């Protein structure tokens, strides 16, 4: 299980540079020395889209972990080792759902702090 999670994390981290290249060309600074508001809005939209994508991905993985843990509980019988593995997997699944819910709420939290708009 640790190998699978390690591979998923490595794949996710290898996709991180795409967020940088997705911005396109960097526009020059405004005469006042600040960054144009349009670029900040585009970055906000990109971050909201990424948060929704990763939140959905984490939620799907967590649901499958919970279903697999339920299957292991049913098939474990009196084997304490299998019951312990299923209980651990169920705990990680619930933690995954909590993390996914936090990922869904991050865009609105950031928008309320910095005064931006939340995409629906």
PDB file of N, CA and C in Angstrom:
ATOM      1  N   UNK A   1       0.816  -1.184   0.000  1.00  0.00           N
ATOM      2  CA  UNK A   1       0.000   0.000   0.000  1.00  0.00           C
ATOM      3  C   UNK A   1       0.866   1.257   0.000  1.00  0.00           C
ATOM      4  N   UNK A   2       2.002   1.198   0.733  1.00  0.00           N
ATOM      5  CA  UNK A   2       2.884   2.351   0.786  1.00  0.00           C
ATOM      6  C   UNK A   2       3.505   2.622  -0.581  1.00  0.00           C
ATOM      7  N   UNK A   3       3.779   1.552  -1.334  1.00  0.00           N
ATOM      8  CA  UNK A   3       4.364   1.737  -2.665  1.00  0.00           C
ATOM      9  C   UNK A   3       3.380   2.445  -3.588  1.00  0.00           C
ATOM     10  N   UNK A   4       2.108   2.091  -3.492  1.00  0.00           N
ATOM     11  CA  UNK A   4       1.091   2.720  -4.337  1.00  0.00           C
ATOM     12  C   UNK A   4       0.954   4.195  -3.985  1.00  0.00           C
ATOM     13  N   UNK A   5       0.877   4.505  -2.688  1.00  0.00           N
ATOM     14  CA  UNK A   5       0.756   5.898  -2.269  1.00  0.00           C
ATOM     15  C   UNK A   5       1.992   6.702  -2.665  1.00  0.00           C
ATOM     16  N   UNK A   6       3.174   6.066  -2.591  1.00  0.00           N
ATOM     17  CA  UNK A   6       4.396   6.751  -3.005  1.00  0.00           C
ATOM     18  C   UNK A   6       4.369   7.057  -4.488  1.00  0.00           C
ATOM     19  N   UNK A   7       3.889   6.117  -5.294  1.00  0.00           N
ATOM     20  CA  UNK A   7       3.811   6.344  -6.735  1.00  0.00           C
ATOM     21  C   UNK A   7       2.794   7.434  -7.072  1.00  0.00           C
ATOM     22  N   UNK A   8       1.669   7.462  -6.356  1.00  0.00           N
ATOM     23  CA  UNK A   8       0.658   8.499  -6.591  1.00  0.00           C
ATOM     24  C   UNK A   8       1.219   9.868  -6.229  1.00  0.00           C
ATOM     25  N   UNK A   9       1.918   9.964  -5.106  1.00  0.00           N
ATOM     26  CA  UNK A   9       2.502  11.238  -4.703  1.00  0.00           C
ATOM     27  C   UNK A   9       3.583  11.684  -5.694  1.00  0.00           C
ATOM     28  N   UNK A  10       4.405  10.740  -6.181  1.00  0.00           N
ATOM     29  CA  UNK A  10       5.448  11.092  -7.146  1.00  0.00           C
ATOM     30  C   UNK A  10       4.831  11.582  -8.450  1.00  0.00           C
ATOM     31  N   UNK A  11       3.739  10.952  -8.881  1.00  0.00           N
ATOM     32  CA  UNK A  11       3.070  11.396 -10.104  1.00  0.00           C
ATOM     33  C   UNK A  11       2.476  12.788  -9.908  1.00  0.00           C
ATOM     34  N   UNK A  12       1.894  13.036  -8.767  1.00  0.00           N
ATOM     35  CA  UNK A  12       1.323  14.353  -8.497  1.00  0.00           C
ATOM     36  C   UNK A  12       2.379  15.440  -8.450  1.00  0.00           C
ATOM     37  N   UNK A  13       3.520  15.135  -7.824  1.00  0.00           N
ATOM     38  CA  UNK A  13       4.594  16.121  -7.759  1.00  0.00           C
ATOM     39  C   UNK A  13       5.255  16.337  -9.111  1.00  0.00           C
ATOM     40  N   UNK A  14       5.259  15.305  -9.949  1.00  0.00           N
ATOM     41  CA  UNK A  14       5.861  15.486 -11.270  1.00  0.00           C
ATOM     42  C   UNK A  14       4.986  16.364 -12.162  1.00  0.00           C
ATOM     43  N   UNK A  15       3.710  16.504 -11.836  1.00  0.00           N
ATOM     44  CA  UNK A  15       2.824  17.366 -12.608  1.00  0.00           C
ATOM     45  C   UNK A  15       2.838  18.813 -12.122  1.00  0.00           C
ATOM     46  N   UNK A  16       3.528  19.096 -11.034  1.00  0.00           N
ATOM     47  CA  UNK A  16       3.555  20.446 -10.472  1.00  0.00           C
ATOM     48  C   UNK A  16       4.119  21.498 -11.438  1.00  0.00           C
ATOM     49  N   UNK A  17       5.156  21.217 -12.236  1.00  0.00           N
ATOM     50  CA  UNK A  17       5.651  22.246 -13.153  1.00  0.00           C
ATOM     51  C   UNK A  17       4.641  22.671 -14.207  1.00  0.00           C
ATOM     52  N   UNK A  18       3.645  21.855 -14.475  1.00  0.00           N
ATOM     53  CA  UNK A  18       2.632  22.222 -15.462  1.00  0.00           C
ATOM     54  C   UNK A  18       1.901  23.485 -15.022  1.00  0.00           C
ATOM     55  N   UNK A  19       1.713  23.654 -13.716  1.00  0.00           N
ATOM     56  CA  UNK A  19       1.031  24.849 -13.220  1.00  0.00           C
ATOM     57  C   UNK A  19       1.820  26.109 -13.554  1.00  0.00           C
ATOM     58  N   UNK A  20       3.137  26.006 -13.577  1.00  0.00           N
ATOM     59  CA  UNK A  20       3.962  27.171 -13.903  1.00  0.00           C
ATOM     60  C   UNK A  20       3.861  27.487 -15.385  1.00  0.00           C
ATOM     61  N   UNK A  21       3.926  26.465 -16.228  1.00  0.00           N
ATOM     62  CA  UNK A  21       3.889  26.687 -17.661  1.00  0.00           C
ATOM     63  C   UNK A  21       2.489  27.008 -18.166  1.00  0.00           C
ATOM     64  N   UNK A  22       1.481  26.742 -17.372  1.00  0.00           N
ATOM     65  CA  UNK A  22       0.109  27.012 -17.797  1.00  0.00           C
ATOM     66  C   UNK A  22      -0.210  28.499 -17.779  1.00  0.00           C
ATOM     67  N   UNK A  23       0.631  29.300 -17.170  1.00  0.00           N
ATOM     68  CA  UNK A  23       0.370  30.729 -17.075  1.00  0.00           C
ATOM     69  C   UNK A  23       0.625  31.448 -18.390  1.00  0.00           C
ATOM     70  N   UNK A  24       1.363  30.865 -19.281  1.00  0.00           N
ATOM     71  CA  UNK A  24       1.663  31.523 -20.546  1.00  0.00           C
ATOM     72  C   UNK A  24       2.778  32.534 -20.376  1.00  0.00           C
ATOM     73  N   UNK A  25       2.756  33.585 -21.165  1.00  0.00           N
ATOM     74  CA  UNK A  25       3.798  34.592 -21.076  1.00  0.00           C
ATOM     75  C   UNK A  25       3.534  35.519 -19.899  1.00  0.00           C
ATOM     76  N   UNK A  26       4.584  35.993 -19.320  1.00  0.00           N
ATOM     77  CA  UNK A  26       4.460  36.908 -18.191  1.00  0.00           C
ATOM     78  C   UNK A  26       4.384  38.317 -18.755  1.00  0.00           C
ATOM     79  N   UNK A  27       3.332  39.025 -18.389  1.00  0.00           N
ATOM     80  CA  UNK A  27       3.169  40.387 -18.890  1.00  0.00           C
ATOM     81  C   UNK A  27       4.047  41.338 -18.086  1.00  0.00           C
ATOM     82  N   UNK A  28       4.436  42.452 -18.687  1.00  0.00           N
ATOM     83  CA  UNK A  28       5.276  43.403 -17.949  1.00  0.00           C
ATOM     84  C   UNK A  28       4.503  44.028 -16.795  1.00  0.00           C
ATOM     85  N   UNK A  29       5.239  44.574 -15.884  1.00  0.00           N
ATOM     86  CA  UNK A  29       4.618  45.224 -14.725  1.00  0.00           C
ATOM     87  C   UNK A  29       3.908  46.503 -15.148  1.00  0.00           C
ATOM     88  N   UNK A  30       2.915  46.873 -14.398  1.00  0.00           N
ATOM     89  CA  UNK A  30       2.198  48.118 -14.674  1.00  0.00           C
ATOM     90  C   UNK A  30       3.105  49.301 -14.332  1.00  0.00           C
ATOM     91  N   UNK A  31       2.794  50.492 -14.818  1.00  0.00           N
ATOM     92  CA  UNK A  31       3.637  51.654 -14.521  1.00  0.00           C
ATOM     93  C   UNK A  31       3.791  51.933 -13.031  1.00  0.00           C
ATOM     94  N   UNK A  32       2.803  51.548 -12.244  1.00  0.00           N
ATOM     95  CA  UNK A  32       2.913  51.800 -10.805  1.00  0.00           C
ATOM     96  C   UNK A  32       3.815  50.790 -10.113  1.00  0.00           C
ATOM     97  N   UNK A  33       4.265  49.779 -10.861  1.00  0.00           N
ATOM     98  CA  UNK A  33       5.179  48.795 -10.294  1.00  0.00           C
ATOM     99  C   UNK A  33       4.494  47.542  -9.794  1.00  0.00           C
ATOM    100  N   UNK A  34       3.165  47.451  -9.895  1.00  0.00           N
ATOM    101  CA  UNK A  34       2.446  46.280  -9.425  1.00  0.00           C
ATOM    102  C   UNK A  34       2.142  45.311 -10.546  1.00  0.00           C
ATOM    103  N   UNK A  35       1.604  44.194 -10.195  1.00  0.00           N
ATOM    104  CA  UNK A  35       1.211  43.186 -11.166  1.00  0.00           C
ATOM    105  C   UNK A  35      -0.212  43.486 -11.609  1.00  0.00           C
ATOM    106  N   UNK A  36      -0.522  43.413 -12.907  1.00  0.00           N
ATOM    107  CA  UNK A  36      -1.888  43.675 -13.358  1.00  0.00           C
ATOM    108  C   UNK A  36      -2.887  42.731 -12.692  1.00  0.00           C
ATOM    109  N   UNK A  37      -4.071  43.233 -12.411  1.00  0.00           N
ATOM    110  CA  UNK A  37      -5.091  42.466 -11.702  1.00  0.00           C
ATOM    111  C   UNK A  37      -5.519  41.248 -12.513  1.00  0.00           C
ATOM    112  N   UNK A  38      -5.501  41.324 -13.825  1.00  0.00           N
ATOM    113  CA  UNK A  38      -5.914  40.198 -14.661  1.00  0.00           C
ATOM    114  C   UNK A  38      -5.039  38.979 -14.414  1.00  0.00           C
ATOM    115  N   UNK A  39      -3.744  39.177 -14.184  1.00  0.00           N
ATOM    116  CA  UNK A  39      -2.856  38.042 -13.929  1.00  0.00           C
ATOM    117  C   UNK A  39      -3.131  37.403 -12.578  1.00  0.00           C
ATOM    118  N   UNK A  40      -3.453  38.218 -11.586  1.00  0.00           N
ATOM    119  CA  UNK A  40      -3.775  37.665 -10.270  1.00  0.00           C
ATOM    120  C   UNK A  40      -5.066  36.858 -10.353  1.00  0.00           C
ATOM    121  N   UNK A  41      -6.049  37.341 -11.126  1.00  0.00           N
ATOM    122  CA  UNK A  41      -7.295  36.595 -11.301  1.00  0.00           C
ATOM    123  C   UNK A  41      -7.077  35.287 -12.021  1.00  0.00           C
ATOM    124  N   UNK A  42      -6.186  35.293 -13.020  1.00  0.00           N
ATOM    125  CA  UNK A  42      -5.892  34.057 -13.746  1.00  0.00           C
ATOM    126  C   UNK A  42      -5.203  33.059 -12.837  1.00  0.00           C
ATOM    127  N   UNK A  43      -4.295  33.526 -12.003  1.00  0.00           N
ATOM    128  CA  UNK A  43      -3.619  32.647 -11.063  1.00  0.00           C
ATOM    129  C   UNK A  43      -4.611  32.091 -10.051  1.00  0.00           C
ATOM    130  N   UNK A  44      -5.516  32.935  -9.586  1.00  0.00           N
ATOM    131  CA  UNK A  44      -6.539  32.489  -8.645  1.00  0.00           C
ATOM    132  C   UNK A  44      -7.418  31.412  -9.271  1.00  0.00           C
ATOM    133  N   UNK A  45      -7.812  31.626 -10.530  1.00  0.00           N
ATOM    134  CA  UNK A  45      -8.627  30.624 -11.220  1.00  0.00           C
ATOM    135  C   UNK A  45      -7.889  29.316 -11.389  1.00  0.00           C
ATOM    136  N   UNK A  46      -6.591  29.397 -11.709  1.00  0.00           N
ATOM    137  CA  UNK A  46      -5.782  28.189 -11.861  1.00  0.00           C
ATOM    138  C   UNK A  46      -5.683  27.437 -10.541  1.00  0.00           C
ATOM    139  N   UNK A  47      -5.440  28.156  -9.453  1.00  0.00           N
ATOM    140  CA  UNK A  47      -5.330  27.506  -8.145  1.00  0.00           C
ATOM    141  C   UNK A  47      -6.659  26.882  -7.723  1.00  0.00           C
ATOM    142  N   UNK A  48      -7.757  27.552  -8.031  1.00  0.00           N
ATOM    143  CA  UNK A  48      -9.065  26.987  -7.695  1.00  0.00           C
ATOM    144  C   UNK A  48      -9.332  25.719  -8.497  1.00  0.00           C
ATOM    145  N   UNK A  49      -8.959  25.726  -9.764  1.00  0.00           N
ATOM    146  CA  UNK A  49      -9.145  24.547 -10.603  1.00  0.00           C
ATOM    147  C   UNK A  49      -8.292  23.385 -10.100  1.00  0.00           C
ATOM    148  N   UNK A  50      -7.042  23.670  -9.739  1.00  0.00           N
ATOM    149  CA  UNK A  50      -6.168  22.624  -9.209  1.00  0.00           C
ATOM    150  C   UNK A  50      -6.697  22.087  -7.882  1.00  0.00           C
ATOM    151  N   UNK A  51      -7.190  22.965  -7.019  1.00  0.00           N
ATOM    152  CA  UNK A  51      -7.729  22.514  -5.728  1.00  0.00           C
ATOM    153  C   UNK A  51      -8.935  21.612  -5.936  1.00  0.00           C
ATOM    154  N   UNK A  52      -9.809  21.983  -6.880  1.00  0.00           N
ATOM    155  CA  UNK A  52     -10.972  21.127  -7.168  1.00  0.00           C
ATOM    156  C   UNK A  52     -10.537  19.786  -7.741  1.00  0.00           C
ATOM    157  N   UNK A  53      -9.542  19.786  -8.649  1.00  0.00           N
ATOM    158  CA  UNK A  53      -9.081  18.540  -9.260  1.00  0.00           C
ATOM    159  C   UNK A  53      -8.483  17.605  -8.213  1.00  0.00           C
ATOM    160  N   UNK A  54      -7.541  18.133  -7.406  1.00  0.00           N
ATOM    161  CA  UNK A  54      -6.903  17.283  -6.407  1.00  0.00           C
ATOM    162  C   UNK A  54      -7.876  16.885  -5.303  1.00  0.00           C
ATOM    163  N   UNK A  55      -8.815  17.753  -4.961  1.00  0.00           N
ATOM    164  CA  UNK A  55      -9.831  17.387  -3.976  1.00  0.00           C
ATOM    165  C   UNK A  55     -10.693  16.233  -4.470  1.00  0.00           C
ATOM    166  N   UNK A  56     -11.076  16.288  -5.752  1.00  0.00           N
ATOM    167  CA  UNK A  56     -11.870  15.211  -6.332  1.00  0.00           C
ATOM    168  C   UNK A  56     -11.068  13.915  -6.401  1.00  0.00           C
ATOM    169  N   UNK A  57      -9.800  14.013  -6.784  1.00  0.00           N
ATOM    170  CA  UNK A  57      -8.940  12.833  -6.868  1.00  0.00           C
ATOM    171  C   UNK A  57      -8.758  12.192  -5.496  1.00  0.00           C
ATOM    172  N   UNK A  58      -8.475  13.002  -4.493  1.00  0.00           N
ATOM    173  CA  UNK A  58      -8.288  12.479  -3.143  1.00  0.00           C
ATOM    174  C   UNK A  58      -9.579  11.860  -2.622  1.00  0.00           C
ATOM    175  N   UNK A  59     -10.706  12.500  -2.914  1.00  0.00           N
ATOM    176  CA  UNK A  59     -11.997  11.967  -2.468  1.00  0.00           C
ATOM    177  C   UNK A  59     -12.266  10.603  -3.108  1.00  0.00           C
ATOM    178  N   UNK A  60     -11.986  10.468  -4.390  1.00  0.00           N
ATOM    179  CA  UNK A  60     -12.213   9.187  -5.070  1.00  0.00           C
ATOM    180  C   UNK A  60     -11.321   8.093  -4.489  1.00  0.00           C
ATOM    181  N   UNK A  61     -10.061   8.407  -4.264  1.00  0.00           N
ATOM    182  CA  UNK A  61      -9.147   7.419  -3.685  1.00  0.00           C
ATOM    183  C   UNK A  61      -9.604   7.037  -2.282  1.00  0.00           C
ATOM    184  N   UNK A  62     -10.045   8.003  -1.491  1.00  0.00           N
ATOM    185  CA  UNK A  62     -10.489   7.726  -0.123  1.00  0.00           C
ATOM    186  C   UNK A  62     -11.732   6.836  -0.114  1.00  0.00           C
ATOM    187  N   UNK A  63     -12.653   7.080  -1.028  1.00  0.00           N
ATOM    188  CA  UNK A  63     -13.862   6.252  -1.088  1.00  0.00           C
ATOM    189  C   UNK A  63     -13.497   4.808  -1.456  1.00  0.00           C
ATOM    190  N   UNK A  64     -12.600   4.637  -2.420  1.00  0.00           N
ATOM    191  CA  UNK A  64     -12.176   3.281  -2.773  1.00  0.00           C
ATOM    192  C   UNK A  64     -11.434   2.615  -1.623  1.00  0.00           C
ATOM    193  N   UNK A  65     -10.657   3.381  -0.868  1.00  0.00           N
ATOM    194  CA  UNK A  65      -9.978   2.805   0.300  1.00  0.00           C
ATOM    195  C   UNK A  65     -10.990   2.341   1.344  1.00  0.00           C
ATOM    196  N   UNK A  66     -12.033   3.127   1.559  1.00  0.00           N
ATOM    197  CA  UNK A  66     -13.052   2.743   2.537  1.00  0.00           C
ATOM    198  C   UNK A  66     -13.799   1.495   2.070  1.00  0.00           C
ATOM    199  N   UNK A  67     -14.114   1.424   0.786  1.00  0.00           N
ATOM    200  CA  UNK A  67     -14.788   0.234   0.266  1.00  0.00           C
ATOM    201  C   UNK A  67     -13.900  -0.999   0.380  1.00  0.00           C
ATOM    202  N   UNK A  68     -12.612  -0.848   0.088  1.00  0.00           N
ATOM    203  CA  UNK A  68     -11.689  -1.979   0.207  1.00  0.00           C
ATOM    204  C   UNK A  68     -11.516  -2.385   1.673  1.00  0.00           C
ATOM    205  N   UNK A  69     -11.495  -1.397   2.580  1.00  0.00           N
ATOM    206  CA  UNK A  69     -11.404  -1.704   4.004  1.00  0.00           C
ATOM    207  C   UNK A  69     -12.643  -2.470   4.469  1.00  0.00           C
ATOM    208  N   UNK A  70     -13.817  -2.093   3.973  1.00  0.00           N
ATOM    209  CA  UNK A  70     -15.040  -2.820   4.324  1.00  0.00           C
ATOM    210  C   UNK A  70     -14.976  -4.254   3.815  1.00  0.00           C
ATOM    211  N   UNK A  71     -14.443  -4.442   2.605  1.00  0.00           N
ATOM    212  CA  UNK A  71     -14.280  -5.791   2.060  1.00  0.00           C
ATOM    213  C   UNK A  71     -13.324  -6.599   2.931  1.00  0.00           C
ATOM    214  N   UNK A  72     -12.229  -5.969   3.377  1.00  0.00           N
ATOM    215  CA  UNK A  72     -11.268  -6.687   4.233  1.00  0.00           C
ATOM    216  C   UNK A  72     -11.884  -7.020   5.590  1.00  0.00           C
ATOM    217  N   UNK A  73     -12.733  -6.119   6.116  1.00  0.00           N
ATOM    218  CA  UNK A  73     -13.424  -6.421   7.372  1.00  0.00           C
ATOM    219  C   UNK A  73     -14.323  -7.639   7.209  1.00  0.00           C
ATOM    220  N   UNK A  74     -15.049  -7.689   6.100  1.00  0.00           N
ATOM    221  CA  UNK A  74     -15.987  -8.793   5.873  1.00  0.00           C
ATOM    222  C   UNK A  74     -15.257 -10.113   5.712  1.00  0.00           C
ATOM    223  N   UNK A  75     -14.135 -10.095   4.988  1.00  0.00           N
ATOM    224  CA  UNK A  75     -13.416 -11.340   4.699  1.00  0.00           C
ATOM    225  C   UNK A  75     -12.372 -11.695   5.756  1.00  0.00           C
ATOM    226  N   UNK A  76     -12.165 -10.858   6.763  1.00  0.00           N
ATOM    227  CA  UNK A  76     -11.107 -11.104   7.744  1.00  0.00           C
ATOM    228  C   UNK A  76     -11.421 -12.280   8.659  1.00  0.00           C
ATOM    229  N   UNK A  77     -12.671 -12.437   9.034  1.00  0.00           N
ATOM    230  CA  UNK A  77     -13.019 -13.504   9.962  1.00  0.00           C
ATOM    231  C   UNK A  77     -12.414 -13.244  11.329  1.00  0.00           C
ATOM    232  N   UNK A  78     -11.701 -14.232  11.877  1.00  0.00           N
ATOM    233  CA  UNK A  78     -11.084 -14.097  13.192  1.00  0.00           C
ATOM    234  C   UNK A  78      -9.616 -13.685  13.112  1.00  0.00           C
ATOM    235  N   UNK A  79      -9.119 -13.398  11.928  1.00  0.00           N
ATOM    236  CA  UNK A  79      -7.724 -13.034  11.748  1.00  0.00           C
ATOM    237  C   UNK A  79      -7.507 -11.585  12.223  1.00  0.00           C
ATOM    238  N   UNK A  80      -6.834 -11.453  13.364  1.00  0.00           N
ATOM    239  CA  UNK A  80      -6.630 -10.132  13.958  1.00  0.00           C
ATOM    240  C   UNK A  80      -5.738  -9.242  13.096  1.00  0.00           C
ATOM    241  N   UNK A  81      -4.808  -9.844  12.371  1.00  0.00           N
ATOM    242  CA  UNK A  81      -3.918  -9.065  11.510  1.00  0.00           C
ATOM    243  C   UNK A  81      -4.698  -8.394  10.379  1.00  0.00           C
ATOM    244  N   UNK A  82      -5.601  -9.147   9.757  1.00  0.00           N
ATOM    245  CA  UNK A  82      -6.416  -8.586   8.679  1.00  0.00           C
ATOM    246  C   UNK A  82      -7.377  -7.523   9.194  1.00  0.00           C
ATOM    247  N   UNK A  83      -7.913  -7.742  10.390  1.00  0.00           N
ATOM    248  CA  UNK A  83      -8.812  -6.753  10.984  1.00  0.00           C
ATOM    249  C   UNK A  83      -8.045  -5.467  11.287  1.00  0.00           C
ATOM    250  N   UNK A  84      -6.822  -5.599  11.775  1.00  0.00           N
ATOM    251  CA  UNK A  84      -5.997  -4.427  12.053  1.00  0.00           C
ATOM    252  C   UNK A  84      -5.656  -3.659  10.785  1.00  0.00           C
ATOM    253  N   UNK A  85      -5.330  -4.391   9.706  1.00  0.00           N
ATOM    254  CA  UNK A  85      -5.047  -3.731   8.431  1.00  0.00           C
ATOM    255  C   UNK A  85      -6.285  -3.011   7.908  1.00  0.00           C
ATOM    256  N   UNK A  86      -7.436  -3.645   8.027  1.00  0.00           N
ATOM    257  CA  UNK A  86      -8.678  -3.021   7.556  1.00  0.00           C
ATOM    258  C   UNK A  86      -9.003  -1.782   8.381  1.00  0.00           C
ATOM    259  N   UNK A  87      -8.789  -1.848   9.678  1.00  0.00           N
ATOM    260  CA  UNK A  87      -9.061  -0.694  10.539  1.00  0.00           C
ATOM    261  C   UNK A  87      -8.124   0.467  10.196  1.00  0.00           C
ATOM    262  N   UNK A  88      -6.851   0.168   9.937  1.00  0.00           N
ATOM    263  CA  UNK A  88      -5.895   1.207   9.543  1.00  0.00           C
ATOM    264  C   UNK A  88      -6.290   1.822   8.206  1.00  0.00           C
ATOM    265  N   UNK A  89      -6.692   0.973   7.261  1.00  0.00           N
ATOM    266  CA  UNK A  89      -7.096   1.466   5.944  1.00  0.00           C
ATOM    267  C   UNK A  89      -8.356   2.331   6.052  1.00  0.00           C
ATOM    268  N   UNK A  90      -9.273   1.951   6.907  1.00  0.00           N
ATOM    269  CA  UNK A  90     -10.481   2.737   7.121  1.00  0.00           C
ATOM    270  C   UNK A  90     -10.139   4.098   7.724  1.00  0.00           C
ATOM    271  N   UNK A  91      -9.205   4.118   8.656  1.00  0.00           N
ATOM    272  CA  UNK A  91      -8.764   5.377   9.248  1.00  0.00           C
ATOM    273  C   UNK A  91      -8.152   6.291   8.199  1.00  0.00           C
ATOM    274  N   UNK A  92      -7.282   5.742   7.342  1.00  0.00           N
ATOM    275  CA  UNK A  92      -6.668   6.540   6.289  1.00  0.00           C
ATOM    276  C   UNK A  92      -7.704   7.025   5.280  1.00  0.00           C
ATOM    277  N   UNK A  93      -8.713   6.229   5.022  1.00  0.00           N
ATOM    278  CA  UNK A  93      -9.776   6.656   4.117  1.00  0.00           C
ATOM    279  C   UNK A  93     -10.559   7.837   4.667  1.00  0.00           C
ATOM    280  N   UNK A  94     -10.857   7.792   5.959  1.00  0.00           N
ATOM    281  CA  UNK A  94     -11.582   8.903   6.590  1.00  0.00           C
ATOM    282  C   UNK A  94     -10.702  10.155   6.609  1.00  0.00           C
ATOM    283  N   UNK A  95      -9.422   9.985   6.886  1.00  0.00           N
ATOM    284  CA  UNK A  95      -8.499  11.124   6.845  1.00  0.00           C
ATOM    285  C   UNK A  95      -8.441  11.692   5.428  1.00  0.00           C
ATOM    286  N   UNK A  96      -8.463  10.835   4.413  1.00  0.00           N
ATOM    287  CA  UNK A  96      -8.471  11.290   3.028  1.00  0.00           C
ATOM    288  C   UNK A  96      -9.709  12.115   2.702  1.00  0.00           C
ATOM    289  N   UNK A  97     -10.854  11.712   3.211  1.00  0.00           N
ATOM    290  CA  UNK A  97     -12.077  12.482   2.969  1.00  0.00           C
ATOM    291  C   UNK A  97     -11.986  13.847   3.646  1.00  0.00           C
ATOM    292  N   UNK A  98     -11.436  13.896   4.846  1.00  0.00           N
ATOM    293  CA  UNK A  98     -11.272  15.183   5.535  1.00  0.00           C
ATOM    294  C   UNK A  98     -10.323  16.088   4.746  1.00  0.00           C
ATOM    295  N   UNK A  99      -9.217  15.525   4.246  1.00  0.00           N
ATOM    296  CA  UNK A  99      -8.270  16.312   3.451  1.00  0.00           C
ATOM    297  C   UNK A  99      -8.936  16.820   2.174  1.00  0.00           C
ATOM    298  N   UNK A 100      -9.752  15.985   1.536  1.00  0.00           N
ATOM    299  CA  UNK A 100     -10.449  16.411   0.313  1.00  0.00           C
ATOM    300  C   UNK A 100     -11.433  17.534   0.606  1.00  0.00           C
ATOM    301  N   UNK A 101     -12.137  17.458   1.715  1.00  0.00           N
ATOM    302  CA  UNK A 101     -13.064  18.534   2.077  1.00  0.00           C
ATOM    303  C   UNK A 101     -12.324  19.833   2.366  1.00  0.00           C
ATOM    304  N   UNK A 102     -11.157  19.716   2.970  1.00  0.00           N
ATOM    305  CA  UNK A 102     -10.338  20.911   3.203  1.00  0.00           C
ATOM    306  C   UNK A 102      -9.874  21.479   1.871  1.00  0.00           C
ATOM    307  N   UNK A 103      -9.494  20.608   0.928  1.00  0.00           N
ATOM    308  CA  UNK A 103      -9.051  21.086  -0.389  1.00  0.00           C
ATOM    309  C   UNK A 103     -10.179  21.810  -1.118  1.00  0.00           C
ATOM    310  N   UNK A 104     -11.419  21.368  -0.933  1.00  0.00           N
ATOM    311  CA  UNK A 104     -12.550  22.055  -1.557  1.00  0.00           C
ATOM    312  C   UNK A 104     -12.814  23.416  -0.915  1.00  0.00           C
ATOM    313  N   UNK A 105     -12.460  23.591   0.351  1.00  0.00           N
ATOM    314  CA  UNK A 105     -12.748  24.852   1.031  1.00  0.00           C
ATOM    315  C   UNK A 105     -11.612  25.862   0.920  1.00  0.00           C
ATOM    316  N   UNK A 106     -10.438  25.452   0.507  1.00  0.00           N
ATOM    317  CA  UNK A 106      -9.299  26.365   0.411  1.00  0.00           C
ATOM    318  C   UNK A 106      -9.555  27.523  -0.549  1.00  0.00           C
ATOM    319  N   UNK A 107     -10.116  27.319  -1.758  1.00  0.00           N
ATOM    320  CA  UNK A 107     -10.322  28.465  -2.652  1.00  0.00           C
ATOM    321  C   UNK A 107     -11.202  29.560  -2.057  1.00  0.00           C
ATOM    322  N   UNK A 108     -12.276  29.179  -1.374  1.00  0.00           N
ATOM    323  CA  UNK A 108     -13.130  30.216  -0.795  1.00  0.00           C
ATOM    324  C   UNK A 108     -12.434  30.914   0.372  1.00  0.00           C
ATOM    325  N   UNK A 109     -11.609  30.201   1.113  1.00  0.00           N
ATOM    326  CA  UNK A 109     -10.863  30.813   2.201  1.00  0.00           C
ATOM    327  C   UNK A 109      -9.852  31.814   1.660  1.00  0.00           C
ATOM    328  N   UNK A 110      -9.107  31.421   0.627  1.00  0.00           N
ATOM    329  CA  UNK A 110      -8.119  32.321   0.029  1.00  0.00           C
ATOM    330  C   UNK A 110      -8.812  33.525  -0.615  1.00  0.00           C
ATOM    331  N   UNK A 111      -9.935  33.289  -1.281  1.00  0.00           N
ATOM    332  CA  UNK A 111     -10.668  34.395  -1.912  1.00  0.00           C
ATOM    333  C   UNK A 111     -11.198  35.371  -0.874  1.00  0.00           C
ATOM    334  N   UNK A 112     -11.639  34.877   0.268  1.00  0.00           N
ATOM    335  CA  UNK A 112     -12.143  35.791   1.290  1.00  0.00           C
ATOM    336  C   UNK A 112     -11.012  36.589   1.939  1.00  0.00           C
ATOM    337  N   UNK A 113      -9.832  36.013   2.029  1.00  0.00           N
ATOM    338  CA  UNK A 113      -8.701  36.711   2.624  1.00  0.00           C
ATOM    339  C   UNK A 113      -8.178  37.785   1.672  1.00  0.00           C
ATOM    340  N   UNK A 114      -8.015  37.414   0.391  1.00  0.00           N
ATOM    341  CA  UNK A 114      -7.403  38.337  -0.571  1.00  0.00           C
ATOM    342  C   UNK A 114      -8.430  39.111  -1.387  1.00  0.00           C
ATOM    343  N   UNK A 115      -9.710  38.895  -1.159  1.00  0.00           N
ATOM    344  CA  UNK A 115     -10.733  39.667  -1.832  1.00  0.00           C
ATOM    345  C   UNK A 115     -10.966  39.272  -3.275  1.00  0.00           C
ATOM    346  N   UNK A 116     -10.846  38.022  -3.608  1.00  0.00           N
ATOM    347  CA  UNK A 116     -11.077  37.567  -4.973  1.00  0.00           C
ATOM    348  C   UNK A 116     -12.433  36.923  -5.112  1.00  0.00           C
ATOM    349  N   UNK A 117     -12.696  36.400  -6.289  1.00  0.00           N
ATOM    350  CA  UNK A 117     -13.967  35.727  -6.562  1.00  0.00           C
ATOM    351  C   UNK A 117     -13.727  34.223  -6.593  1.00  0.00           C
ATOM    352  N   UNK A 118     -14.712  33.471  -6.130  1.00  0.00           N
ATOM    353  CA  UNK A 118     -14.632  32.026  -6.141  1.00  0.00           C
ATOM    354  C   UNK A 118     -15.346  31.513  -7.374  1.00  0.00           C
ATOM    355  N   UNK A 119     -14.657  30.633  -8.128  1.00  0.00           N
ATOM    356  CA  UNK A 119     -15.281  30.040  -9.309  1.00  0.00           C
ATOM    357  C   UNK A 119     -16.221  28.930  -8.876  1.00  0.00           C
ATOM    358  N   UNK A 120     -17.288  28.761  -9.616  1.00  0.00           N
ATOM    359  CA  UNK A 120     -18.246  27.667  -9.322  1.00  0.00           C
ATOM    360  C   UNK A 120     -18.126  26.590 -10.342  1.00  0.00           C
TER     361      UNK A 120
END
